[in-house]
Structures are given as structure tokens and as C-alpha cells.
Amino acid sequence: MIAVMVERARSHFVALSASRGSITLPAELRHRHRLDQPGAQVEIVERDDGVIELHPVLPHRADQAWFWDERWQAMEREAEEDVVAGRVKTFDSADEFLADLEREAGERGLA
């Protein structure tokens, strides 16, 4: 077995490497860097000074993670079904859109 020290300013972890080269990262570290998400990968960089760096590689940008959330994806599928079934309205202008909203609010007693 080979011990690999994973070092951060706020935490220190030791990950064990099996004889086949597999390295298991602690669950807390995997979760914090979203490496427990489907499709997540780790980039391995060997520096000239011999230090091995592990960099999380996500299947999508971190600032777009909300879009790939299962709840959001379910809403996207529902919206697509509405489009396919023709349960949508289109408008030629923002004024037409707002007028339709006001009309529907009035019909529902919300205006």
C-alpha cells in the first residue's frame, strides 16, 4: 500500500492506494468537491517538484450545477412535454404577454 497525503489549507486527509493503483478519497472530500456526482472525474497533475495534485473535473460548470439537479431536470422534462403537446402560448411582444397575464389573473380572481 502507498499512502498519499491530500492537503488543503483547511483540512488534511490520507488516502490509501491499493496495489492496483486505485485511490479512495474520503467521503467528506468527495462530497465537498462534488466528486460523488455521476460523471465527475479527477485530473491528476504531477508537478516538477514531485508533488501529485488532484483536481476535480465536473461534467458541467460549477455555476450551472443547479440546472443538472434532478428536480430541475424533472421540470425541464415536464416543460418539454408541454411544448410537444401544444400546451404553450407564444406572443409577438412583451405587451401581448403582459396583457395575457393580466387577463388570466382577472379570470382567476387574482387581479
PDB file of N, CA and C in Angstrom:
ATOM      1  N   MET A   1       0.827  -1.187   0.000  1.00  0.00           N
ATOM      2  CA  MET A   1       0.000   0.000   0.000  1.00  0.00           C
ATOM      3  C   MET A   1       0.872   1.253   0.000  1.00  0.00           C
ATOM      4  N   ILE A   2       0.384   2.280  -0.690  1.00  0.00           N
ATOM      5  CA  ILE A   2       1.064   3.566  -0.732  1.00  0.00           C
ATOM      6  C   ILE A   2       0.122   4.589  -0.134  1.00  0.00           C
ATOM      7  N   ALA A   3       0.579   5.378   0.804  1.00  0.00           N
ATOM      8  CA  ALA A   3      -0.245   6.437   1.393  1.00  0.00           C
ATOM      9  C   ALA A   3       0.004   7.725   0.635  1.00  0.00           C
ATOM     10  N   VAL A   4      -1.061   8.413   0.292  1.00  0.00           N
ATOM     11  CA  VAL A   4      -0.972   9.680  -0.422  1.00  0.00           C
ATOM     12  C   VAL A   4      -1.590  10.749   0.459  1.00  0.00           C
ATOM     13  N   MET A   5      -0.882  11.833   0.703  1.00  0.00           N
ATOM     14  CA  MET A   5      -1.405  12.917   1.527  1.00  0.00           C
ATOM     15  C   MET A   5      -2.105  13.913   0.627  1.00  0.00           C
ATOM     16  N   VAL A   6      -3.380  14.148   0.895  1.00  0.00           N
ATOM     17  CA  VAL A   6      -4.155  15.153   0.180  1.00  0.00           C
ATOM     18  C   VAL A   6      -4.235  16.350   1.118  1.00  0.00           C
ATOM     19  N   GLU A   7      -3.703  17.484   0.689  1.00  0.00           N
ATOM     20  CA  GLU A   7      -3.552  18.611   1.584  1.00  0.00           C
ATOM     21  C   GLU A   7      -4.334  19.819   1.107  1.00  0.00           C
ATOM     22  N   ARG A   8      -5.043  20.458   2.028  1.00  0.00           N
ATOM     23  CA  ARG A   8      -5.760  21.709   1.778  1.00  0.00           C
ATOM     24  C   ARG A   8      -5.458  22.622   2.943  1.00  0.00           C
ATOM     25  N   ALA A   9      -5.682  23.891   2.757  1.00  0.00           N
ATOM     26  CA  ALA A   9      -5.434  24.846   3.829  1.00  0.00           C
ATOM     27  C   ALA A   9      -6.298  24.538   5.045  1.00  0.00           C
ATOM     28  N   ARG A  10      -7.520  24.047   4.832  1.00  0.00           N
ATOM     29  CA  ARG A  10      -8.409  23.835   5.972  1.00  0.00           C
ATOM     30  C   ARG A  10      -8.486  22.386   6.434  1.00  0.00           C
ATOM     31  N   SER A  11      -7.970  21.440   5.664  1.00  0.00           N
ATOM     32  CA  SER A  11      -8.102  20.031   6.029  1.00  0.00           C
ATOM     33  C   SER A  11      -6.908  19.224   5.547  1.00  0.00           C
ATOM     34  N   HIS A  12      -6.688  18.113   6.216  1.00  0.00           N
ATOM     35  CA  HIS A  12      -5.673  17.153   5.791  1.00  0.00           C
ATOM     36  C   HIS A  12      -6.322  15.775   5.787  1.00  0.00           C
ATOM     37  N   PHE A  13      -6.113  15.030   4.729  1.00  0.00           N
ATOM     38  CA  PHE A  13      -6.649  13.685   4.609  1.00  0.00           C
ATOM     39  C   PHE A  13      -5.546  12.767   4.137  1.00  0.00           C
ATOM     40  N   VAL A  14      -5.657  11.512   4.490  1.00  0.00           N
ATOM     41  CA  VAL A  14      -4.768  10.491   3.950  1.00  0.00           C
ATOM     42  C   VAL A  14      -5.642   9.531   3.155  1.00  0.00           C
ATOM     43  N   ALA A  15      -5.254   9.301   1.909  1.00  0.00           N
ATOM     44  CA  ALA A  15      -5.974   8.361   1.057  1.00  0.00           C
ATOM     45  C   ALA A  15      -5.064   7.166   0.817  1.00  0.00           C
ATOM     46  N   LEU A  16      -5.628   5.971   0.888  1.00  0.00           N
ATOM     47  CA  LEU A  16      -4.835   4.771   0.678  1.00  0.00           C
ATOM     48  C   LEU A  16      -4.935   4.320  -0.769  1.00  0.00           C
ATOM     49  N   SER A  17      -3.804   3.886  -1.288  1.00  0.00           N
ATOM     50  CA  SER A  17      -3.740   3.400  -2.658  1.00  0.00           C
ATOM     51  C   SER A  17      -3.583   1.884  -2.624  1.00  0.00           C
ATOM     52  N   ALA A  18      -4.465   1.185  -3.340  1.00  0.00           N
ATOM     53  CA  ALA A  18      -4.382  -0.275  -3.422  1.00  0.00           C
ATOM     54  C   ALA A  18      -3.283  -0.662  -4.405  1.00  0.00           C
ATOM     55  N   SER A  19      -2.911  -1.918  -4.399  1.00  0.00           N
ATOM     56  CA  SER A  19      -1.827  -2.374  -5.273  1.00  0.00           C
ATOM     57  C   SER A  19      -2.167  -2.182  -6.747  1.00  0.00           C
ATOM     58  N   ARG A  20      -3.456  -2.152  -7.108  1.00  0.00           N
ATOM     59  CA  ARG A  20      -3.862  -1.931  -8.497  1.00  0.00           C
ATOM     60  C   ARG A  20      -3.815  -0.456  -8.878  1.00  0.00           C
ATOM     61  N   GLY A  21      -3.512   0.427  -7.945  1.00  0.00           N
ATOM     62  CA  GLY A  21      -3.426   1.847  -8.244  1.00  0.00           C
ATOM     63  C   GLY A  21      -4.677   2.634  -7.909  1.00  0.00           C
ATOM     64  N   SER A  22      -5.710   1.982  -7.403  1.00  0.00           N
ATOM     65  CA  SER A  22      -6.933   2.686  -7.017  1.00  0.00           C
ATOM     66  C   SER A  22      -6.687   3.510  -5.762  1.00  0.00           C
ATOM     67  N   ILE A  23      -7.207   4.720  -5.772  1.00  0.00           N
ATOM     68  CA  ILE A  23      -7.101   5.588  -4.600  1.00  0.00           C
ATOM     69  C   ILE A  23      -8.510   5.933  -4.143  1.00  0.00           C
ATOM     70  N   THR A  24      -8.775   5.726  -2.868  1.00  0.00           N
ATOM     71  CA  THR A  24     -10.084   6.055  -2.311  1.00  0.00           C
ATOM     72  C   THR A  24      -9.965   7.359  -1.539  1.00  0.00           C
ATOM     73  N   LEU A  25     -10.727   8.346  -1.978  1.00  0.00           N
ATOM     74  CA  LEU A  25     -10.747   9.633  -1.287  1.00  0.00           C
ATOM     75  C   LEU A  25     -11.803   9.594  -0.195  1.00  0.00           C
ATOM     76  N   PRO A  26     -11.571  10.280   0.917  1.00  0.00           N
ATOM     77  CA  PRO A  26     -12.565  10.306   1.993  1.00  0.00           C
ATOM     78  C   PRO A  26     -13.908  10.862   1.496  1.00  0.00           C
ATOM     79  N   ALA A  27     -15.006  10.314   2.028  1.00  0.00           N
ATOM     80  CA  ALA A  27     -16.358  10.696   1.603  1.00  0.00           C
ATOM     81  C   ALA A  27     -16.589  12.198   1.750  1.00  0.00           C
ATOM     82  N   GLU A  28     -16.128  12.782   2.841  1.00  0.00           N
ATOM     83  CA  GLU A  28     -16.321  14.229   3.063  1.00  0.00           C
ATOM     84  C   GLU A  28     -15.683  15.045   1.939  1.00  0.00           C
ATOM     85  N   LEU A  29     -14.496  14.656   1.526  1.00  0.00           N
ATOM     86  CA  LEU A  29     -13.782  15.351   0.454  1.00  0.00           C
ATOM     87  C   LEU A  29     -14.501  15.158  -0.889  1.00  0.00           C
ATOM     88  N   ARG A  30     -14.939  13.927  -1.156  1.00  0.00           N
ATOM     89  CA  ARG A  30     -15.677  13.667  -2.405  1.00  0.00           C
ATOM     90  C   ARG A  30     -16.947  14.489  -2.466  1.00  0.00           C
ATOM     91  N   HIS A  31     -17.660  14.556  -1.367  1.00  0.00           N
ATOM     92  CA  HIS A  31     -18.925  15.299  -1.334  1.00  0.00           C
ATOM     93  C   HIS A  31     -18.684  16.809  -1.496  1.00  0.00           C
ATOM     94  N   ARG A  32     -17.714  17.347  -0.773  1.00  0.00           N
ATOM     95  CA  ARG A  32     -17.442  18.791  -0.822  1.00  0.00           C
ATOM     96  C   ARG A  32     -17.080  19.254  -2.230  1.00  0.00           C
ATOM     97  N   HIS A  33     -16.386  18.417  -2.981  1.00  0.00           N
ATOM     98  CA  HIS A  33     -15.962  18.792  -4.335  1.00  0.00           C
ATOM     99  C   HIS A  33     -16.849  18.157  -5.401  1.00  0.00           C
ATOM    100  N   ARG A  34     -17.983  17.625  -4.972  1.00  0.00           N
ATOM    101  CA  ARG A  34     -18.987  17.021  -5.854  1.00  0.00           C
ATOM    102  C   ARG A  34     -18.405  15.888  -6.711  1.00  0.00           C
ATOM    103  N   LEU A  35     -17.414  15.209  -6.174  1.00  0.00           N
ATOM    104  CA  LEU A  35     -16.847  14.052  -6.875  1.00  0.00           C
ATOM    105  C   LEU A  35     -17.716  12.814  -6.695  1.00  0.00           C
ATOM    106  N   ASP A  36     -18.770  12.932  -5.888  1.00  0.00           N
ATOM    107  CA  ASP A  36     -19.713  11.830  -5.726  1.00  0.00           C
ATOM    108  C   ASP A  36     -20.861  11.937  -6.736  1.00  0.00           C
ATOM    109  N   GLN A  37     -20.795  12.912  -7.641  1.00  0.00           N
ATOM    110  CA  GLN A  37     -21.811  13.103  -8.670  1.00  0.00           C
ATOM    111  C   GLN A  37     -21.495  12.238  -9.896  1.00  0.00           C
ATOM    112  N   PRO A  38     -22.530  11.749 -10.580  1.00  0.00           N
ATOM    113  CA  PRO A  38     -22.281  10.951 -11.793  1.00  0.00           C
ATOM    114  C   PRO A  38     -21.472  11.737 -12.824  1.00  0.00           C
ATOM    115  N   GLY A  39     -20.484  11.111 -13.386  1.00  0.00           N
ATOM    116  CA  GLY A  39     -19.675  11.739 -14.426  1.00  0.00           C
ATOM    117  C   GLY A  39     -18.496  12.551 -13.918  1.00  0.00           C
ATOM    118  N   ALA A  40     -18.395  12.748 -12.605  1.00  0.00           N
ATOM    119  CA  ALA A  40     -17.273  13.517 -12.066  1.00  0.00           C
ATOM    120  C   ALA A  40     -15.972  12.736 -12.260  1.00  0.00           C
ATOM    121  N   GLN A  41     -14.907  13.455 -12.560  1.00  0.00           N
ATOM    122  CA  GLN A  41     -13.607  12.838 -12.761  1.00  0.00           C
ATOM    123  C   GLN A  41     -12.563  13.640 -11.993  1.00  0.00           C
ATOM    124  N   VAL A  42     -11.373  13.068 -11.887  1.00  0.00           N
ATOM    125  CA  VAL A  42     -10.256  13.740 -11.222  1.00  0.00           C
ATOM    126  C   VAL A  42      -9.105  13.849 -12.207  1.00  0.00           C
ATOM    127  N   GLU A  43      -8.618  15.071 -12.403  1.00  0.00           N
ATOM    128  CA  GLU A  43      -7.428  15.287 -13.214  1.00  0.00           C
ATOM    129  C   GLU A  43      -6.216  15.115 -12.299  1.00  0.00           C
ATOM    130  N   ILE A  44      -5.211  14.380 -12.756  1.00  0.00           N
ATOM    131  CA  ILE A  44      -4.004  14.143 -11.964  1.00  0.00           C
ATOM    132  C   ILE A  44      -2.853  14.885 -12.625  1.00  0.00           C
ATOM    133  N   VAL A  45      -2.194  15.746 -11.846  1.00  0.00           N
ATOM    134  CA  VAL A  45      -1.077  16.541 -12.355  1.00  0.00           C
ATOM    135  C   VAL A  45       0.153  16.231 -11.510  1.00  0.00           C
ATOM    136  N   GLU A  46       1.222  15.812 -12.174  1.00  0.00           N
ATOM    137  CA  GLU A  46       2.486  15.614 -11.462  1.00  0.00           C
ATOM    138  C   GLU A  46       3.357  16.833 -11.726  1.00  0.00           C
ATOM    139  N   ARG A  47       3.676  17.563 -10.655  1.00  0.00           N
ATOM    140  CA  ARG A  47       4.499  18.765 -10.783  1.00  0.00           C
ATOM    141  C   ARG A  47       5.973  18.390 -10.869  1.00  0.00           C
ATOM    142  N   ASP A  48       6.777  19.334 -11.325  1.00  0.00           N
ATOM    143  CA  ASP A  48       8.220  19.111 -11.433  1.00  0.00           C
ATOM    144  C   ASP A  48       8.869  18.798 -10.090  1.00  0.00           C
ATOM    145  N   ASP A  49       8.280  19.297  -8.995  1.00  0.00           N
ATOM    146  CA  ASP A  49       8.855  19.045  -7.672  1.00  0.00           C
ATOM    147  C   ASP A  49       8.398  17.713  -7.078  1.00  0.00           C
ATOM    148  N   GLY A  50       7.679  16.895  -7.875  1.00  0.00           N
ATOM    149  CA  GLY A  50       7.269  15.575  -7.429  1.00  0.00           C
ATOM    150  C   GLY A  50       5.917  15.526  -6.737  1.00  0.00           C
ATOM    151  N   VAL A  51       5.315  16.670  -6.503  1.00  0.00           N
ATOM    152  CA  VAL A  51       4.003  16.706  -5.855  1.00  0.00           C
ATOM    153  C   VAL A  51       2.942  16.276  -6.863  1.00  0.00           C
ATOM    154  N   ILE A  52       2.028  15.433  -6.415  1.00  0.00           N
ATOM    155  CA  ILE A  52       0.910  14.989  -7.256  1.00  0.00           C
ATOM    156  C   ILE A  52      -0.318  15.771  -6.826  1.00  0.00           C
ATOM    157  N   GLU A  53      -0.925  16.471  -7.769  1.00  0.00           N
ATOM    158  CA  GLU A  53      -2.131  17.257  -7.497  1.00  0.00           C
ATOM    159  C   GLU A  53      -3.342  16.549  -8.086  1.00  0.00           C
ATOM    160  N   LEU A  54      -4.441  16.580  -7.354  1.00  0.00           N
ATOM    161  CA  LEU A  54      -5.709  16.050  -7.838  1.00  0.00           C
ATOM    162  C   LEU A  54      -6.659  17.237  -8.013  1.00  0.00           C
ATOM    163  N   HIS A  55      -7.221  17.374  -9.198  1.00  0.00           N
ATOM    164  CA  HIS A  55      -8.133  18.476  -9.496  1.00  0.00           C
ATOM    165  C   HIS A  55      -9.493  17.912  -9.907  1.00  0.00           C
ATOM    166  N   PRO A  56     -10.580  18.296  -9.191  1.00  0.00           N
ATOM    167  CA  PRO A  56     -11.906  17.814  -9.585  1.00  0.00           C
ATOM    168  C   PRO A  56     -12.257  18.292 -10.990  1.00  0.00           C
ATOM    169  N   VAL A  57     -12.824  17.407 -11.787  1.00  0.00           N
ATOM    170  CA  VAL A  57     -13.304  17.747 -13.126  1.00  0.00           C
ATOM    171  C   VAL A  57     -14.767  17.326 -13.167  1.00  0.00           C
ATOM    172  N   LEU A  58     -15.648  18.293 -13.293  1.00  0.00           N
ATOM    173  CA  LEU A  58     -17.076  18.016 -13.283  1.00  0.00           C
ATOM    174  C   LEU A  58     -17.613  17.952 -14.702  1.00  0.00           C
ATOM    175  N   PRO A  59     -18.700  17.205 -14.920  1.00  0.00           N
ATOM    176  CA  PRO A  59     -19.249  17.088 -16.267  1.00  0.00           C
ATOM    177  C   PRO A  59     -19.873  18.375 -16.787  1.00  0.00           C
ATOM    178  N   HIS A  60     -20.028  19.373 -15.922  1.00  0.00           N
ATOM    179  CA  HIS A  60     -20.556  20.674 -16.316  1.00  0.00           C
ATOM    180  C   HIS A  60     -19.982  21.717 -15.376  1.00  0.00           C
ATOM    181  N   ARG A  61     -20.079  22.977 -15.756  1.00  0.00           N
ATOM    182  CA  ARG A  61     -19.507  24.055 -14.948  1.00  0.00           C
ATOM    183  C   ARG A  61     -20.205  24.146 -13.594  1.00  0.00           C
ATOM    184  N   ALA A  62     -19.435  24.453 -12.567  1.00  0.00           N
ATOM    185  CA  ALA A  62     -19.969  24.511 -11.210  1.00  0.00           C
ATOM    186  C   ALA A  62     -21.098  25.535 -11.087  1.00  0.00           C
ATOM    187  N   ASP A  63     -21.008  26.657 -11.823  1.00  0.00           N
ATOM    188  CA  ASP A  63     -22.049  27.680 -11.712  1.00  0.00           C
ATOM    189  C   ASP A  63     -23.330  27.282 -12.449  1.00  0.00           C
ATOM    190  N   GLN A  64     -23.326  26.121 -13.108  1.00  0.00           N
ATOM    191  CA  GLN A  64     -24.525  25.626 -13.771  1.00  0.00           C
ATOM    192  C   GLN A  64     -25.036  24.332 -13.136  1.00  0.00           C
ATOM    193  N   ALA A  65     -24.521  24.007 -11.970  1.00  0.00           N
ATOM    194  CA  ALA A  65     -24.908  22.755 -11.306  1.00  0.00           C
ATOM    195  C   ALA A  65     -26.404  22.714 -11.014  1.00  0.00           C
ATOM    196  N   TRP A  66     -27.008  23.861 -10.706  1.00  0.00           N
ATOM    197  CA  TRP A  66     -28.441  23.901 -10.403  1.00  0.00           C
ATOM    198  C   TRP A  66     -29.258  23.326 -11.557  1.00  0.00           C
ATOM    199  N   PHE A  67     -28.836  23.570 -12.793  1.00  0.00           N
ATOM    200  CA  PHE A  67     -29.587  23.109 -13.952  1.00  0.00           C
ATOM    201  C   PHE A  67     -29.611  21.596 -14.033  1.00  0.00           C
ATOM    202  N   TRP A  68     -28.556  20.948 -13.559  1.00  0.00           N
ATOM    203  CA  TRP A  68     -28.434  19.490 -13.665  1.00  0.00           C
ATOM    204  C   TRP A  68     -28.973  18.773 -12.443  1.00  0.00           C
ATOM    205  N   ASP A  69     -29.507  19.499 -11.482  1.00  0.00           N
ATOM    206  CA  ASP A  69     -30.145  18.915 -10.317  1.00  0.00           C
ATOM    207  C   ASP A  69     -31.337  18.066 -10.786  1.00  0.00           C
ATOM    208  N   GLU A  70     -31.583  16.926 -10.150  1.00  0.00           N
ATOM    209  CA  GLU A  70     -32.657  16.027 -10.593  1.00  0.00           C
ATOM    210  C   GLU A  70     -34.021  16.723 -10.596  1.00  0.00           C
ATOM    211  N   ARG A  71     -34.303  17.546  -9.586  1.00  0.00           N
ATOM    212  CA  ARG A  71     -35.587  18.261  -9.545  1.00  0.00           C
ATOM    213  C   ARG A  71     -35.725  19.188 -10.747  1.00  0.00           C
ATOM    214  N   TRP A  72     -34.661  19.930 -11.053  1.00  0.00           N
ATOM    215  CA  TRP A  72     -34.721  20.853 -12.182  1.00  0.00           C
ATOM    216  C   TRP A  72     -34.876  20.090 -13.504  1.00  0.00           C
ATOM    217  N   GLN A  73     -34.165  18.981 -13.633  1.00  0.00           N
ATOM    218  CA  GLN A  73     -34.270  18.188 -14.851  1.00  0.00           C
ATOM    219  C   GLN A  73     -35.682  17.627 -15.025  1.00  0.00           C
ATOM    220  N   ALA A  74     -36.339  17.271 -13.921  1.00  0.00           N
ATOM    221  CA  ALA A  74     -37.729  16.807 -13.996  1.00  0.00           C
ATOM    222  C   ALA A  74     -38.629  17.928 -14.506  1.00  0.00           C
ATOM    223  N   MET A  75     -38.387  19.152 -14.039  1.00  0.00           N
ATOM    224  CA  MET A  75     -39.176  20.288 -14.519  1.00  0.00           C
ATOM    225  C   MET A  75     -38.895  20.561 -15.993  1.00  0.00           C
ATOM    226  N   GLU A  76     -37.654  20.374 -16.432  1.00  0.00           N
ATOM    227  CA  GLU A  76     -37.326  20.551 -17.849  1.00  0.00           C
ATOM    228  C   GLU A  76     -38.068  19.521 -18.707  1.00  0.00           C
ATOM    229  N   ARG A  77     -38.124  18.271 -18.233  1.00  0.00           N
ATOM    230  CA  ARG A  77     -38.843  17.234 -18.976  1.00  0.00           C
ATOM    231  C   ARG A  77     -40.332  17.561 -19.050  1.00  0.00           C
ATOM    232  N   GLU A  78     -40.890  18.055 -17.950  1.00  0.00           N
ATOM    233  CA  GLU A  78     -42.302  18.433 -17.924  1.00  0.00           C
ATOM    234  C   GLU A  78     -42.568  19.574 -18.911  1.00  0.00           C
ATOM    235  N   ALA A  79     -41.701  20.563 -18.943  1.00  0.00           N
ATOM    236  CA  ALA A  79     -41.864  21.681 -19.872  1.00  0.00           C
ATOM    237  C   ALA A  79     -41.784  21.194 -21.317  1.00  0.00           C
ATOM    238  N   GLU A  80     -40.864  20.288 -21.597  1.00  0.00           N
ATOM    239  CA  GLU A  80     -40.738  19.750 -22.956  1.00  0.00           C
ATOM    240  C   GLU A  80     -41.996  18.989 -23.368  1.00  0.00           C
ATOM    241  N   GLU A  81     -42.570  18.240 -22.428  1.00  0.00           N
ATOM    242  CA  GLU A  81     -43.828  17.536 -22.707  1.00  0.00           C
ATOM    243  C   GLU A  81     -44.935  18.531 -23.040  1.00  0.00           C
ATOM    244  N   ASP A  82     -44.991  19.654 -22.311  1.00  0.00           N
ATOM    245  CA  ASP A  82     -45.993  20.690 -22.587  1.00  0.00           C
ATOM    246  C   ASP A  82     -45.808  21.263 -23.988  1.00  0.00           C
ATOM    247  N   VAL A  83     -44.571  21.497 -24.387  1.00  0.00           N
ATOM    248  CA  VAL A  83     -44.294  22.035 -25.725  1.00  0.00           C
ATOM    249  C   VAL A  83     -44.755  21.043 -26.785  1.00  0.00           C
ATOM    250  N   VAL A  84     -44.388  19.768 -26.623  1.00  0.00           N
ATOM    251  CA  VAL A  84     -44.748  18.732 -27.595  1.00  0.00           C
ATOM    252  C   VAL A  84     -46.270  18.584 -27.688  1.00  0.00           C
ATOM    253  N   ALA A  85     -46.966  18.694 -26.547  1.00  0.00           N
ATOM    254  CA  ALA A  85     -48.419  18.526 -26.514  1.00  0.00           C
ATOM    255  C   ALA A  85     -49.159  19.798 -26.940  1.00  0.00           C
ATOM    256  N   GLY A  86     -48.428  20.887 -27.183  1.00  0.00           N
ATOM    257  CA  GLY A  86     -49.079  22.124 -27.612  1.00  0.00           C
ATOM    258  C   GLY A  86     -49.682  22.927 -26.478  1.00  0.00           C
ATOM    259  N   ARG A  87     -49.288  22.646 -25.246  1.00  0.00           N
ATOM    260  CA  ARG A  87     -49.818  23.376 -24.093  1.00  0.00           C
ATOM    261  C   ARG A  87     -48.957  24.608 -23.795  1.00  0.00           C
ATOM    262  N   VAL A  88     -48.725  25.409 -24.814  1.00  0.00           N
ATOM    263  CA  VAL A  88     -47.918  26.625 -24.668  1.00  0.00           C
ATOM    264  C   VAL A  88     -48.592  27.764 -25.436  1.00  0.00           C
ATOM    265  N   LYS A  89     -48.199  28.971 -25.098  1.00  0.00           N
ATOM    266  CA  LYS A  89     -48.658  30.153 -25.825  1.00  0.00           C
ATOM    267  C   LYS A  89     -47.428  30.898 -26.310  1.00  0.00           C
ATOM    268  N   THR A  90     -47.562  31.543 -27.446  1.00  0.00           N
ATOM    269  CA  THR A  90     -46.483  32.400 -27.936  1.00  0.00           C
ATOM    270  C   THR A  90     -47.035  33.802 -28.112  1.00  0.00           C
ATOM    271  N   PHE A  91     -46.161  34.780 -27.976  1.00  0.00           N
ATOM    272  CA  PHE A  91     -46.550  36.183 -28.070  1.00  0.00           C
ATOM    273  C   PHE A  91     -45.571  36.914 -28.967  1.00  0.00           C
ATOM    274  N   ASP A  92     -46.072  37.919 -29.668  1.00  0.00           N
ATOM    275  CA  ASP A  92     -45.224  38.714 -30.554  1.00  0.00           C
ATOM    276  C   ASP A  92     -44.553  39.870 -29.833  1.00  0.00           C
ATOM    277  N   SER A  93     -45.017  40.162 -28.622  1.00  0.00           N
ATOM    278  CA  SER A  93     -44.417  41.285 -27.889  1.00  0.00           C
ATOM    279  C   SER A  93     -44.589  41.076 -26.388  1.00  0.00           C
ATOM    280  N   ALA A  94     -43.808  41.801 -25.634  1.00  0.00           N
ATOM    281  CA  ALA A  94     -43.925  41.760 -24.180  1.00  0.00           C
ATOM    282  C   ALA A  94     -45.278  42.302 -23.752  1.00  0.00           C
ATOM    283  N   ASP A  95     -45.808  43.309 -24.467  1.00  0.00           N
ATOM    284  CA  ASP A  95     -47.117  43.869 -24.127  1.00  0.00           C
ATOM    285  C   ASP A  95     -48.213  42.818 -24.264  1.00  0.00           C
ATOM    286  N   GLU A  96     -48.156  42.000 -25.338  1.00  0.00           N
ATOM    287  CA  GLU A  96     -49.137  40.927 -25.507  1.00  0.00           C
ATOM    288  C   GLU A  96     -49.036  39.918 -24.364  1.00  0.00           C
ATOM    289  N   PHE A  97     -47.813  39.597 -23.994  1.00  0.00           N
ATOM    290  CA  PHE A  97     -47.591  38.650 -22.900  1.00  0.00           C
ATOM    291  C   PHE A  97     -48.180  39.187 -21.595  1.00  0.00           C
ATOM    292  N   LEU A  98     -47.884  40.458 -21.273  1.00  0.00           N
ATOM    293  CA  LEU A  98     -48.382  41.052 -20.032  1.00  0.00           C
ATOM    294  C   LEU A  98     -49.898  41.168 -20.040  1.00  0.00           C
ATOM    295  N   ALA A  99     -50.477  41.492 -21.188  1.00  0.00           N
ATOM    296  CA  ALA A  99     -51.939  41.576 -21.282  1.00  0.00           C
ATOM    297  C   ALA A  99     -52.565  40.208 -21.017  1.00  0.00           C
ATOM    298  N   ASP A 100     -51.953  39.152 -21.532  1.00  0.00           N
ATOM    299  CA  ASP A 100     -52.463  37.807 -21.298  1.00  0.00           C
ATOM    300  C   ASP A 100     -52.356  37.432 -19.824  1.00  0.00           C
ATOM    301  N   LEU A 101     -51.261  37.807 -19.188  1.00  0.00           N
ATOM    302  CA  LEU A 101     -51.111  37.541 -17.753  1.00  0.00           C
ATOM    303  C   LEU A 101     -52.196  38.252 -16.957  1.00  0.00           C
ATOM    304  N   GLU A 102     -52.434  39.502 -17.281  1.00  0.00           N
ATOM    305  CA  GLU A 102     -53.472  40.271 -16.579  1.00  0.00           C
ATOM    306  C   GLU A 102     -54.846  39.651 -16.801  1.00  0.00           C
ATOM    307  N   ARG A 103     -55.146  39.215 -18.037  1.00  0.00           N
ATOM    308  CA  ARG A 103     -56.419  38.583 -18.334  1.00  0.00           C
ATOM    309  C   ARG A 103     -56.597  37.310 -17.511  1.00  0.00           C
ATOM    310  N   GLU A 104     -55.552  36.476 -17.477  1.00  0.00           N
ATOM    311  CA  GLU A 104     -55.649  35.226 -16.708  1.00  0.00           C
ATOM    312  C   GLU A 104     -55.762  35.505 -15.217  1.00  0.00           C
ATOM    313  N   ALA A 105     -55.054  36.506 -14.725  1.00  0.00           N
ATOM    314  CA  ALA A 105     -55.142  36.855 -13.302  1.00  0.00           C
ATOM    315  C   ALA A 105     -56.564  37.304 -12.978  1.00  0.00           C
ATOM    316  N   GLY A 106     -57.152  38.079 -13.868  1.00  0.00           N
ATOM    317  CA  GLY A 106     -58.534  38.520 -13.670  1.00  0.00           C
ATOM    318  C   GLY A 106     -59.507  37.342 -13.647  1.00  0.00           C
ATOM    319  N   GLU A 107     -59.317  36.383 -14.554  1.00  0.00           N
ATOM    320  CA  GLU A 107     -60.177  35.194 -14.619  1.00  0.00           C
ATOM    321  C   GLU A 107     -60.066  34.353 -13.354  1.00  0.00           C
ATOM    322  N   ARG A 108     -58.921  34.367 -12.740  1.00  0.00           N
ATOM    323  CA  ARG A 108     -58.696  33.573 -11.518  1.00  0.00           C
ATOM    324  C   ARG A 108     -58.967  34.369 -10.239  1.00  0.00           C
ATOM    325  N   GLY A 109     -59.368  35.633 -10.408  1.00  0.00           N
ATOM    326  CA  GLY A 109     -59.659  36.476  -9.243  1.00  0.00           C
ATOM    327  C   GLY A 109     -58.414  36.934  -8.522  1.00  0.00           C
ATOM    328  N   LEU A 110     -57.294  37.003  -9.230  1.00  0.00           N
ATOM    329  CA  LEU A 110     -56.023  37.406  -8.619  1.00  0.00           C
ATOM    330  C   LEU A 110     -55.680  38.858  -8.892  1.00  0.00           C
ATOM    331  N   ALA A 111     -56.447  39.523  -9.753  1.00  0.00           N
ATOM    332  CA  ALA A 111     -56.120  40.913 -10.109  1.00  0.00           C
ATOM    333  C   ALA A 111     -56.932  41.880  -9.291  1.00  0.00           C
TER     334      ALA A 111
END
